[in-house]
Amino acid sequence: MMEIKLYRLSYEDGEYCVGTEAEVISSHNEWVENSGRFEKEEWADNLATTIQDLEEHWTVEQFYTVVLEVKEGV
């Protein structure tokens, strides 16, 4: 059995992105580097490696879990 959790990153004015843990972390890190809100020296302090790192910048909601069951020999 495999679980895929989907997350939503949002802020006061709306939703930023939706995806798996890896996808929302990647989207956040692209935002840090491309938004113009951070100087290059600040990037390292604001890049994320975990879902918890995102909570400094976003409202993080795990809103759906897809459960996949793998059957061998079918």
PDB file of N, CA and C in Angstrom:
ATOM      1  N   MET A   1       0.845  -1.176   0.000  1.00  0.00           N
ATOM      2  CA  MET A   1       0.000   0.000   0.000  1.00  0.00           C
ATOM      3  C   MET A   1       0.893   1.242   0.000  1.00  0.00           C
ATOM      4  N   MET A   2       0.458   2.250  -0.733  1.00  0.00           N
ATOM      5  CA  MET A   2       1.210   3.495  -0.819  1.00  0.00           C
ATOM      6  C   MET A   2       0.242   4.662  -0.638  1.00  0.00           C
ATOM      7  N   GLU A   3       0.669   5.646   0.149  1.00  0.00           N
ATOM      8  CA  GLU A   3      -0.150   6.843   0.363  1.00  0.00           C
ATOM      9  C   GLU A   3       0.514   8.039  -0.307  1.00  0.00           C
ATOM     10  N   ILE A   4      -0.288   8.811  -1.003  1.00  0.00           N
ATOM     11  CA  ILE A   4       0.174  10.066  -1.587  1.00  0.00           C
ATOM     12  C   ILE A   4      -0.650  11.171  -0.947  1.00  0.00           C
ATOM     13  N   LYS A   5       0.025  12.064  -0.220  1.00  0.00           N
ATOM     14  CA  LYS A   5      -0.660  13.166   0.448  1.00  0.00           C
ATOM     15  C   LYS A   5      -0.568  14.410  -0.410  1.00  0.00           C
ATOM     16  N   LEU A   6      -1.690  15.120  -0.519  1.00  0.00           N
ATOM     17  CA  LEU A   6      -1.726  16.360  -1.280  1.00  0.00           C
ATOM     18  C   LEU A   6      -1.839  17.536  -0.326  1.00  0.00           C
ATOM     19  N   TYR A   7      -1.072  18.582  -0.625  1.00  0.00           N
ATOM     20  CA  TYR A   7      -0.987  19.767   0.219  1.00  0.00           C
ATOM     21  C   TYR A   7      -1.410  20.998  -0.561  1.00  0.00           C
ATOM     22  N   ARG A   8      -1.907  21.985   0.163  1.00  0.00           N
ATOM     23  CA  ARG A   8      -2.272  23.280  -0.400  1.00  0.00           C
ATOM     24  C   ARG A   8      -1.486  24.350   0.342  1.00  0.00           C
ATOM     25  N   LEU A   9      -0.832  25.228  -0.401  1.00  0.00           N
ATOM     26  CA  LEU A   9      -0.175  26.395   0.187  1.00  0.00           C
ATOM     27  C   LEU A   9      -1.031  27.599  -0.156  1.00  0.00           C
ATOM     28  N   SER A  10      -1.406  28.345   0.874  1.00  0.00           N
ATOM     29  CA  SER A  10      -2.223  29.527   0.631  1.00  0.00           C
ATOM     30  C   SER A  10      -1.729  30.672   1.503  1.00  0.00           C
ATOM     31  N   TYR A  11      -2.256  31.854   1.235  1.00  0.00           N
ATOM     32  CA  TYR A  11      -1.911  33.063   1.962  1.00  0.00           C
ATOM     33  C   TYR A  11      -3.184  33.883   2.093  1.00  0.00           C
ATOM     34  N   GLU A  12      -3.110  35.039   2.697  1.00  0.00           N
ATOM     35  CA  GLU A  12      -4.310  35.837   2.980  1.00  0.00           C
ATOM     36  C   GLU A  12      -5.187  36.069   1.747  1.00  0.00           C
ATOM     37  N   ASP A  13      -4.563  36.331   0.610  1.00  0.00           N
ATOM     38  CA  ASP A  13      -5.316  36.708  -0.585  1.00  0.00           C
ATOM     39  C   ASP A  13      -5.664  35.547  -1.507  1.00  0.00           C
ATOM     40  N   GLY A  14      -5.245  34.335  -1.182  1.00  0.00           N
ATOM     41  CA  GLY A  14      -5.599  33.228  -2.062  1.00  0.00           C
ATOM     42  C   GLY A  14      -4.693  32.028  -1.927  1.00  0.00           C
ATOM     43  N   GLU A  15      -4.771  31.201  -2.962  1.00  0.00           N
ATOM     44  CA  GLU A  15      -4.024  29.954  -2.982  1.00  0.00           C
ATOM     45  C   GLU A  15      -2.770  30.123  -3.837  1.00  0.00           C
ATOM     46  N   TYR A  16      -1.656  29.583  -3.370  1.00  0.00           N
ATOM     47  CA  TYR A  16      -0.412  29.657  -4.147  1.00  0.00           C
ATOM     48  C   TYR A  16      -0.231  28.419  -5.020  1.00  0.00           C
ATOM     49  N   CYS A  17      -0.326  27.226  -4.408  1.00  0.00           N
ATOM     50  CA  CYS A  17      -0.160  26.004  -5.198  1.00  0.00           C
ATOM     51  C   CYS A  17      -0.732  24.802  -4.457  1.00  0.00           C
ATOM     52  N   VAL A  18      -0.891  23.715  -5.212  1.00  0.00           N
ATOM     53  CA  VAL A  18      -1.374  22.445  -4.685  1.00  0.00           C
ATOM     54  C   VAL A  18      -0.483  21.356  -5.261  1.00  0.00           C
ATOM     55  N   GLY A  19      -0.144  20.348  -4.455  1.00  0.00           N
ATOM     56  CA  GLY A  19       0.639  19.236  -4.970  1.00  0.00           C
ATOM     57  C   GLY A  19       1.116  18.314  -3.872  1.00  0.00           C
ATOM     58  N   THR A  20       1.972  17.395  -4.260  1.00  0.00           N
ATOM     59  CA  THR A  20       2.587  16.493  -3.290  1.00  0.00           C
ATOM     60  C   THR A  20       3.587  17.289  -2.457  1.00  0.00           C
ATOM     61  N   GLU A  21       4.126  16.660  -1.426  1.00  0.00           N
ATOM     62  CA  GLU A  21       5.105  17.331  -0.576  1.00  0.00           C
ATOM     63  C   GLU A  21       6.278  17.856  -1.409  1.00  0.00           C
ATOM     64  N   ALA A  22       6.810  17.017  -2.263  1.00  0.00           N
ATOM     65  CA  ALA A  22       7.956  17.432  -3.090  1.00  0.00           C
ATOM     66  C   ALA A  22       7.584  18.587  -4.018  1.00  0.00           C
ATOM     67  N   GLU A  23       6.386  18.551  -4.574  1.00  0.00           N
ATOM     68  CA  GLU A  23       5.959  19.606  -5.508  1.00  0.00           C
ATOM     69  C   GLU A  23       5.773  20.949  -4.815  1.00  0.00           C
ATOM     70  N   VAL A  24       5.134  20.959  -3.632  1.00  0.00           N
ATOM     71  CA  VAL A  24       4.915  22.252  -2.966  1.00  0.00           C
ATOM     72  C   VAL A  24       6.222  22.817  -2.422  1.00  0.00           C
ATOM     73  N   ILE A  25       7.135  21.955  -1.981  1.00  0.00           N
ATOM     74  CA  ILE A  25       8.450  22.430  -1.527  1.00  0.00           C
ATOM     75  C   ILE A  25       9.204  23.031  -2.709  1.00  0.00           C
ATOM     76  N   SER A  26       9.171  22.358  -3.846  1.00  0.00           N
ATOM     77  CA  SER A  26       9.842  22.863  -5.051  1.00  0.00           C
ATOM     78  C   SER A  26       9.237  24.205  -5.490  1.00  0.00           C
ATOM     79  N   SER A  27       7.907  24.304  -5.480  1.00  0.00           N
ATOM     80  CA  SER A  27       7.244  25.566  -5.862  1.00  0.00           C
ATOM     81  C   SER A  27       7.641  26.693  -4.918  1.00  0.00           C
ATOM     82  N   HIS A  28       7.667  26.402  -3.633  1.00  0.00           N
ATOM     83  CA  HIS A  28       8.077  27.414  -2.657  1.00  0.00           C
ATOM     84  C   HIS A  28       9.509  27.864  -2.926  1.00  0.00           C
ATOM     85  N   ASN A  29      10.412  26.927  -3.142  1.00  0.00           N
ATOM     86  CA  ASN A  29      11.818  27.273  -3.350  1.00  0.00           C
ATOM     87  C   ASN A  29      12.006  28.101  -4.616  1.00  0.00           C
ATOM     88  N   GLU A  30      11.244  27.800  -5.667  1.00  0.00           N
ATOM     89  CA  GLU A  30      11.279  28.627  -6.879  1.00  0.00           C
ATOM     90  C   GLU A  30      10.783  30.035  -6.564  1.00  0.00           C
ATOM     91  N   TRP A  31       9.739  30.125  -5.742  1.00  0.00           N
ATOM     92  CA  TRP A  31       9.203  31.430  -5.345  1.00  0.00           C
ATOM     93  C   TRP A  31      10.255  32.236  -4.590  1.00  0.00           C
ATOM     94  N   VAL A  32      10.970  31.596  -3.661  1.00  0.00           N
ATOM     95  CA  VAL A  32      12.016  32.288  -2.899  1.00  0.00           C
ATOM     96  C   VAL A  32      13.045  32.886  -3.861  1.00  0.00           C
ATOM     97  N   GLU A  33      13.464  32.103  -4.849  1.00  0.00           N
ATOM     98  CA  GLU A  33      14.515  32.541  -5.759  1.00  0.00           C
ATOM     99  C   GLU A  33      14.043  33.543  -6.809  1.00  0.00           C
ATOM    100  N   ASN A  34      12.764  33.506  -7.184  1.00  0.00           N
ATOM    101  CA  ASN A  34      12.291  34.320  -8.304  1.00  0.00           C
ATOM    102  C   ASN A  34      11.328  35.447  -7.949  1.00  0.00           C
ATOM    103  N   SER A  35      10.864  35.518  -6.710  1.00  0.00           N
ATOM    104  CA  SER A  35       9.830  36.495  -6.363  1.00  0.00           C
ATOM    105  C   SER A  35      10.362  37.915  -6.222  1.00  0.00           C
ATOM    106  N   GLY A  36      11.661  38.053  -5.991  1.00  0.00           N
ATOM    107  CA  GLY A  36      12.210  39.382  -5.755  1.00  0.00           C
ATOM    108  C   GLY A  36      12.036  39.851  -4.319  1.00  0.00           C
ATOM    109  N   ARG A  37      11.438  39.031  -3.471  1.00  0.00           N
ATOM    110  CA  ARG A  37      11.230  39.387  -2.065  1.00  0.00           C
ATOM    111  C   ARG A  37      12.479  39.170  -1.214  1.00  0.00           C
ATOM    112  N   PHE A  38      13.404  38.368  -1.720  1.00  0.00           N
ATOM    113  CA  PHE A  38      14.575  37.997  -0.943  1.00  0.00           C
ATOM    114  C   PHE A  38      15.840  38.329  -1.716  1.00  0.00           C
ATOM    115  N   GLU A  39      16.820  38.858  -0.998  1.00  0.00           N
ATOM    116  CA  GLU A  39      18.150  39.046  -1.580  1.00  0.00           C
ATOM    117  C   GLU A  39      18.790  37.664  -1.701  1.00  0.00           C
ATOM    118  N   LYS A  40      19.712  37.524  -2.623  1.00  0.00           N
ATOM    119  CA  LYS A  40      20.353  36.218  -2.836  1.00  0.00           C
ATOM    120  C   LYS A  40      20.960  35.674  -1.543  1.00  0.00           C
ATOM    121  N   GLU A  41      21.475  36.564  -0.695  1.00  0.00           N
ATOM    122  CA  GLU A  41      22.063  36.138   0.578  1.00  0.00           C
ATOM    123  C   GLU A  41      21.011  35.560   1.526  1.00  0.00           C
ATOM    124  N   GLU A  42      19.742  35.886   1.315  1.00  0.00           N
ATOM    125  CA  GLU A  42      18.657  35.419   2.187  1.00  0.00           C
ATOM    126  C   GLU A  42      18.057  34.093   1.726  1.00  0.00           C
ATOM    127  N   TRP A  43      18.370  33.666   0.518  1.00  0.00           N
ATOM    128  CA  TRP A  43      17.755  32.457  -0.028  1.00  0.00           C
ATOM    129  C   TRP A  43      17.939  31.260   0.888  1.00  0.00           C
ATOM    130  N   ALA A  44      19.155  30.999   1.307  1.00  0.00           N
ATOM    131  CA  ALA A  44      19.440  29.795   2.108  1.00  0.00           C
ATOM    132  C   ALA A  44      18.578  29.737   3.367  1.00  0.00           C
ATOM    133  N   ASP A  45      18.334  30.891   3.991  1.00  0.00           N
ATOM    134  CA  ASP A  45      17.528  30.924   5.213  1.00  0.00           C
ATOM    135  C   ASP A  45      16.039  30.717   4.944  1.00  0.00           C
ATOM    136  N   ASN A  46      15.601  30.884   3.697  1.00  0.00           N
ATOM    137  CA  ASN A  46      14.176  30.811   3.382  1.00  0.00           C
ATOM    138  C   ASN A  46      13.779  29.627   2.513  1.00  0.00           C
ATOM    139  N   LEU A  47      14.755  28.885   1.994  1.00  0.00           N
ATOM    140  CA  LEU A  47      14.434  27.691   1.220  1.00  0.00           C
ATOM    141  C   LEU A  47      13.921  26.600   2.159  1.00  0.00           C
ATOM    142  N   ALA A  48      13.066  25.738   1.639  1.00  0.00           N
ATOM    143  CA  ALA A  48      12.442  24.689   2.455  1.00  0.00           C
ATOM    144  C   ALA A  48      12.974  23.316   2.071  1.00  0.00           C
ATOM    145  N   THR A  49      13.052  22.443   3.063  1.00  0.00           N
ATOM    146  CA  THR A  49      13.352  21.035   2.810  1.00  0.00           C
ATOM    147  C   THR A  49      12.262  20.142   3.393  1.00  0.00           C
ATOM    148  N   THR A  50      11.397  20.703   4.251  1.00  0.00           N
ATOM    149  CA  THR A  50      10.296  19.943   4.861  1.00  0.00           C
ATOM    150  C   THR A  50       9.012  20.758   4.793  1.00  0.00           C
ATOM    151  N   ILE A  51       7.902  20.101   4.982  1.00  0.00           N
ATOM    152  CA  ILE A  51       6.600  20.783   5.033  1.00  0.00           C
ATOM    153  C   ILE A  51       6.600  21.820   6.155  1.00  0.00           C
ATOM    154  N   GLN A  52       7.212  21.493   7.290  1.00  0.00           N
ATOM    155  CA  GLN A  52       7.224  22.411   8.427  1.00  0.00           C
ATOM    156  C   GLN A  52       7.945  23.718   8.075  1.00  0.00           C
ATOM    157  N   ASP A  53       8.968  23.656   7.219  1.00  0.00           N
ATOM    158  CA  ASP A  53       9.679  24.866   6.799  1.00  0.00           C
ATOM    159  C   ASP A  53       8.754  25.840   6.076  1.00  0.00           C
ATOM    160  N   LEU A  54       7.723  25.321   5.428  1.00  0.00           N
ATOM    161  CA  LEU A  54       6.817  26.166   4.640  1.00  0.00           C
ATOM    162  C   LEU A  54       5.907  27.016   5.512  1.00  0.00           C
ATOM    163  N   GLU A  55       5.686  26.577   6.750  1.00  0.00           N
ATOM    164  CA  GLU A  55       4.723  27.244   7.622  1.00  0.00           C
ATOM    165  C   GLU A  55       5.146  28.652   8.013  1.00  0.00           C
ATOM    166  N   GLU A  56       6.417  29.003   7.807  1.00  0.00           N
ATOM    167  CA  GLU A  56       6.882  30.366   8.066  1.00  0.00           C
ATOM    168  C   GLU A  56       6.317  31.343   7.033  1.00  0.00           C
ATOM    169  N   HIS A  57       6.024  30.852   5.837  1.00  0.00           N
ATOM    170  CA  HIS A  57       5.599  31.715   4.731  1.00  0.00           C
ATOM    171  C   HIS A  57       4.160  31.500   4.283  1.00  0.00           C
ATOM    172  N   TRP A  58       3.600  30.330   4.529  1.00  0.00           N
ATOM    173  CA  TRP A  58       2.296  29.957   3.973  1.00  0.00           C
ATOM    174  C   TRP A  58       1.401  29.338   5.035  1.00  0.00           C
ATOM    175  N   THR A  59       0.113  29.297   4.732  1.00  0.00           N
ATOM    176  CA  THR A  59      -0.803  28.428   5.453  1.00  0.00           C
ATOM    177  C   THR A  59      -0.727  27.095   4.723  1.00  0.00           C
ATOM    178  N   VAL A  60      -0.348  26.036   5.434  1.00  0.00           N
ATOM    179  CA  VAL A  60      -0.146  24.721   4.828  1.00  0.00           C
ATOM    180  C   VAL A  60      -1.283  23.811   5.272  1.00  0.00           C
ATOM    181  N   GLU A  61      -1.960  23.208   4.296  1.00  0.00           N
ATOM    182  CA  GLU A  61      -3.059  22.297   4.606  1.00  0.00           C
ATOM    183  C   GLU A  61      -2.851  20.984   3.860  1.00  0.00           C
ATOM    184  N   GLN A  62      -2.816  19.885   4.586  1.00  0.00           N
ATOM    185  CA  GLN A  62      -2.816  18.565   3.958  1.00  0.00           C
ATOM    186  C   GLN A  62      -4.286  18.214   3.804  1.00  0.00           C
ATOM    187  N   PHE A  63      -4.793  18.248   2.566  1.00  0.00           N
ATOM    188  CA  PHE A  63      -6.237  18.168   2.380  1.00  0.00           C
ATOM    189  C   PHE A  63      -6.741  16.873   1.757  1.00  0.00           C
ATOM    190  N   TYR A  64      -5.844  16.036   1.271  1.00  0.00           N
ATOM    191  CA  TYR A  64      -6.321  14.799   0.649  1.00  0.00           C
ATOM    192  C   TYR A  64      -5.214  13.760   0.670  1.00  0.00           C
ATOM    193  N   THR A  65      -5.603  12.510   0.851  1.00  0.00           N
ATOM    194  CA  THR A  65      -4.667  11.398   0.794  1.00  0.00           C
ATOM    195  C   THR A  65      -5.200  10.373  -0.192  1.00  0.00           C
ATOM    196  N   VAL A  66      -4.377  10.022  -1.158  1.00  0.00           N
ATOM    197  CA  VAL A  66      -4.710   8.981  -2.123  1.00  0.00           C
ATOM    198  C   VAL A  66      -4.022   7.710  -1.643  1.00  0.00           C
ATOM    199  N   VAL A  67      -4.796   6.646  -1.494  1.00  0.00           N
ATOM    200  CA  VAL A  67      -4.236   5.358  -1.066  1.00  0.00           C
ATOM    201  C   VAL A  67      -4.235   4.419  -2.257  1.00  0.00           C
ATOM    202  N   LEU A  68      -3.044   3.945  -2.612  1.00  0.00           N
ATOM    203  CA  LEU A  68      -2.894   3.016  -3.727  1.00  0.00           C
ATOM    204  C   LEU A  68      -2.527   1.646  -3.175  1.00  0.00           C
ATOM    205  N   GLU A  69      -3.217   0.640  -3.651  1.00  0.00           N
ATOM    206  CA  GLU A  69      -2.921  -0.722  -3.238  1.00  0.00           C
ATOM    207  C   GLU A  69      -2.355  -1.454  -4.438  1.00  0.00           C
ATOM    208  N   VAL A  70      -1.182  -2.000  -4.282  1.00  0.00           N
ATOM    209  CA  VAL A  70      -0.512  -2.704  -5.376  1.00  0.00           C
ATOM    210  C   VAL A  70      -0.780  -4.193  -5.237  1.00  0.00           C
ATOM    211  N   LYS A  71      -1.316  -4.783  -6.295  1.00  0.00           N
ATOM    212  CA  LYS A  71      -1.575  -6.219  -6.301  1.00  0.00           C
ATOM    213  C   LYS A  71      -0.644  -6.856  -7.310  1.00  0.00           C
ATOM    214  N   GLU A  72       0.185  -7.741  -6.828  1.00  0.00           N
ATOM    215  CA  GLU A  72       1.145  -8.406  -7.707  1.00  0.00           C
ATOM    216  C   GLU A  72       0.475  -9.566  -8.432  1.00  0.00           C
ATOM    217  N   GLY A  73       0.917  -9.796  -9.665  1.00  0.00           N
ATOM    218  CA  GLY A  73       0.409 -10.928 -10.431  1.00  0.00           C
ATOM    219  C   GLY A  73      -0.930 -10.673 -11.085  1.00  0.00           C
ATOM    220  N   VAL A  74      -1.358  -9.427 -11.136  1.00  0.00           N
ATOM    221  CA  VAL A  74      -2.654  -9.133 -11.756  1.00  0.00           C
ATOM    222  C   VAL A  74      -2.438  -8.568 -13.124  1.00  0.00           C
TER     223      VAL A  74
END
